[in-house]
Each structure stands twice: as C-alpha cells, then as structure tokens.
Amino acid sequence: MDFIDDPKFGHTKNRLPVMLVPLIMIFSVILGVIATKIYVKTVVDHHNEKSETQ
C-alpha cells in the first residue's frame, strides 16, 4: 500500500498554478457558449433566407 499512499510518478515540473485551472475551465465553457450561439444564429439566419426566397 505504500505505492498508493505515496506515488512517485506524475508531473512535477511545468505544472499549472492551482488558480489558473478553474479560470481556464470557465473560459473554455464561456467560449463554447459564445461559439454555439454564433453557430445557431448563422444557421437560423440561413434558414430564414431560404424560406423567404421560396
């Protein structure tokens, strides 16, 4: 059980600061929401243009 309690592997150098990880996660979620809204808006606009011409 010593191996499980005190592992000797993993990243020890070039680790992200602890406060930076949640900020990156929140930023990626916000970026995904913005990208989704832009995509939905373009699809709806494109559909409206098609229905107006028919």
N, C-alpha and C. Protein backbone atom coordinates (compact mmCIF):
# COMPACT_ATOMS: atom_id res chain seq x y z
N MET A 1 0.80 -1.20 0.00
CA MET A 1 0.00 0.00 0.00
C MET A 1 0.85 1.26 0.00
N ASP A 2 2.15 1.12 0.15
CA ASP A 2 2.99 2.32 0.15
C ASP A 2 2.94 3.02 -1.19
N PHE A 3 2.83 2.23 -2.27
CA PHE A 3 2.80 2.84 -3.60
C PHE A 3 1.56 3.72 -3.79
N ILE A 4 0.41 3.28 -3.30
CA ILE A 4 -0.82 4.04 -3.46
C ILE A 4 -0.81 5.28 -2.57
N ASP A 5 -0.30 5.14 -1.36
CA ASP A 5 -0.28 6.27 -0.43
C ASP A 5 0.73 7.33 -0.82
N ASP A 6 1.84 6.94 -1.44
CA ASP A 6 2.90 7.89 -1.77
C ASP A 6 3.42 7.59 -3.18
N PRO A 7 2.67 7.94 -4.22
CA PRO A 7 3.14 7.64 -5.58
C PRO A 7 4.36 8.48 -5.93
N LYS A 8 5.24 7.90 -6.71
CA LYS A 8 6.48 8.58 -7.09
C LYS A 8 6.50 8.97 -8.57
N PHE A 9 5.33 8.96 -9.22
CA PHE A 9 5.30 9.32 -10.62
C PHE A 9 4.33 10.48 -10.82
N GLY A 10 4.36 11.06 -12.00
CA GLY A 10 3.48 12.18 -12.32
C GLY A 10 4.29 13.41 -12.68
N HIS A 11 3.60 14.43 -13.05
CA HIS A 11 4.26 15.66 -13.45
C HIS A 11 4.66 16.46 -12.22
N THR A 12 5.92 16.81 -12.16
CA THR A 12 6.38 17.65 -11.06
C THR A 12 6.86 19.00 -11.58
N LYS A 13 7.24 19.06 -12.85
CA LYS A 13 7.70 20.31 -13.45
C LYS A 13 6.66 20.83 -14.42
N ASN A 14 6.66 22.13 -14.65
CA ASN A 14 5.77 22.79 -15.61
C ASN A 14 4.29 22.54 -15.30
N ARG A 15 3.93 22.52 -14.04
CA ARG A 15 2.53 22.35 -13.66
C ARG A 15 1.84 23.71 -13.70
N LEU A 16 0.54 23.68 -14.00
CA LEU A 16 -0.23 24.92 -13.98
C LEU A 16 -0.48 25.34 -12.54
N PRO A 17 -0.50 26.64 -12.28
CA PRO A 17 -0.88 27.08 -10.94
C PRO A 17 -2.31 26.66 -10.63
N VAL A 18 -2.59 26.41 -9.37
CA VAL A 18 -3.88 25.87 -8.96
C VAL A 18 -5.02 26.84 -9.32
N MET A 19 -4.81 28.12 -9.21
CA MET A 19 -5.86 29.09 -9.51
C MET A 19 -6.11 29.22 -11.01
N LEU A 20 -5.14 28.85 -11.82
CA LEU A 20 -5.28 29.00 -13.26
C LEU A 20 -6.18 27.93 -13.87
N VAL A 21 -6.24 26.76 -13.28
CA VAL A 21 -7.02 25.65 -13.83
C VAL A 21 -8.52 25.98 -13.87
N PRO A 22 -9.14 26.45 -12.78
CA PRO A 22 -10.57 26.80 -12.87
C PRO A 22 -10.83 27.94 -13.84
N LEU A 23 -9.91 28.88 -13.92
CA LEU A 23 -10.09 30.00 -14.86
C LEU A 23 -10.09 29.50 -16.30
N ILE A 24 -9.20 28.57 -16.62
CA ILE A 24 -9.16 28.00 -17.97
C ILE A 24 -10.44 27.23 -18.25
N MET A 25 -10.93 26.50 -17.26
CA MET A 25 -12.17 25.74 -17.45
C MET A 25 -13.35 26.68 -17.69
N ILE A 26 -13.47 27.72 -16.88
CA ILE A 26 -14.57 28.67 -17.04
C ILE A 26 -14.46 29.38 -18.38
N PHE A 27 -13.24 29.77 -18.76
CA PHE A 27 -13.04 30.45 -20.05
C PHE A 27 -13.43 29.54 -21.21
N SER A 28 -13.09 28.26 -21.12
CA SER A 28 -13.43 27.35 -22.22
C SER A 28 -14.95 27.13 -22.30
N VAL A 29 -15.64 27.10 -21.16
CA VAL A 29 -17.10 26.96 -21.18
C VAL A 29 -17.73 28.21 -21.79
N ILE A 30 -17.26 29.38 -21.39
CA ILE A 30 -17.81 30.64 -21.94
C ILE A 30 -17.55 30.71 -23.43
N LEU A 31 -16.36 30.33 -23.86
CA LEU A 31 -16.03 30.34 -25.28
C LEU A 31 -16.91 29.36 -26.06
N GLY A 32 -17.19 28.21 -25.47
CA GLY A 32 -18.08 27.25 -26.11
C GLY A 32 -19.50 27.77 -26.24
N VAL A 33 -19.99 28.46 -25.21
CA VAL A 33 -21.34 29.04 -25.26
C VAL A 33 -21.42 30.11 -26.34
N ILE A 34 -20.41 30.95 -26.43
CA ILE A 34 -20.39 32.01 -27.45
C ILE A 34 -20.34 31.39 -28.84
N ALA A 35 -19.49 30.39 -29.03
CA ALA A 35 -19.38 29.75 -30.34
C ALA A 35 -20.69 29.06 -30.72
N THR A 36 -21.36 28.45 -29.75
CA THR A 36 -22.64 27.80 -30.03
C THR A 36 -23.70 28.82 -30.42
N LYS A 37 -23.74 29.96 -29.71
CA LYS A 37 -24.72 31.00 -30.04
C LYS A 37 -24.48 31.55 -31.44
N ILE A 38 -23.22 31.76 -31.81
CA ILE A 38 -22.90 32.26 -33.15
C ILE A 38 -23.32 31.24 -34.20
N TYR A 39 -23.03 29.96 -33.95
CA TYR A 39 -23.39 28.91 -34.90
C TYR A 39 -24.90 28.82 -35.08
N VAL A 40 -25.64 28.83 -33.98
CA VAL A 40 -27.10 28.74 -34.06
C VAL A 40 -27.66 29.95 -34.79
N LYS A 41 -27.12 31.13 -34.52
CA LYS A 41 -27.60 32.34 -35.19
C LYS A 41 -27.38 32.27 -36.69
N THR A 42 -26.22 31.78 -37.12
CA THR A 42 -25.96 31.69 -38.56
C THR A 42 -26.87 30.65 -39.22
N VAL A 43 -27.11 29.53 -38.54
CA VAL A 43 -27.97 28.50 -39.11
C VAL A 43 -29.40 29.00 -39.22
N VAL A 44 -29.90 29.69 -38.19
CA VAL A 44 -31.27 30.21 -38.22
C VAL A 44 -31.40 31.28 -39.29
N ASP A 45 -30.41 32.18 -39.40
CA ASP A 45 -30.45 33.21 -40.43
C ASP A 45 -30.44 32.60 -41.82
N HIS A 46 -29.62 31.58 -42.01
CA HIS A 46 -29.54 30.92 -43.31
C HIS A 46 -30.87 30.25 -43.65
N HIS A 47 -31.51 29.65 -42.66
CA HIS A 47 -32.81 29.00 -42.87
C HIS A 47 -33.88 30.04 -43.19
N ASN A 48 -33.83 31.19 -42.53
CA ASN A 48 -34.80 32.26 -42.80
C ASN A 48 -34.63 32.82 -44.21
N GLU A 49 -33.38 32.94 -44.67
CA GLU A 49 -33.15 33.43 -46.04
C GLU A 49 -33.71 32.45 -47.07
N LYS A 50 -33.56 31.16 -46.81
CA LYS A 50 -34.09 30.16 -47.74
C LYS A 50 -35.60 30.20 -47.78
N SER A 51 -36.25 30.33 -46.63
CA SER A 51 -37.71 30.31 -46.60
C SER A 51 -38.30 31.59 -47.19
N GLU A 52 -37.58 32.71 -47.16
CA GLU A 52 -38.08 33.95 -47.73
C GLU A 52 -38.02 33.90 -49.26
N THR A 53 -37.03 33.21 -49.82
CA THR A 53 -36.89 33.16 -51.28
C THR A 53 -37.84 32.16 -51.91
N GLN A 54 -38.39 31.22 -51.16
CA GLN A 54 -39.26 30.21 -51.74
C GLN A 54 -40.69 30.65 -51.76
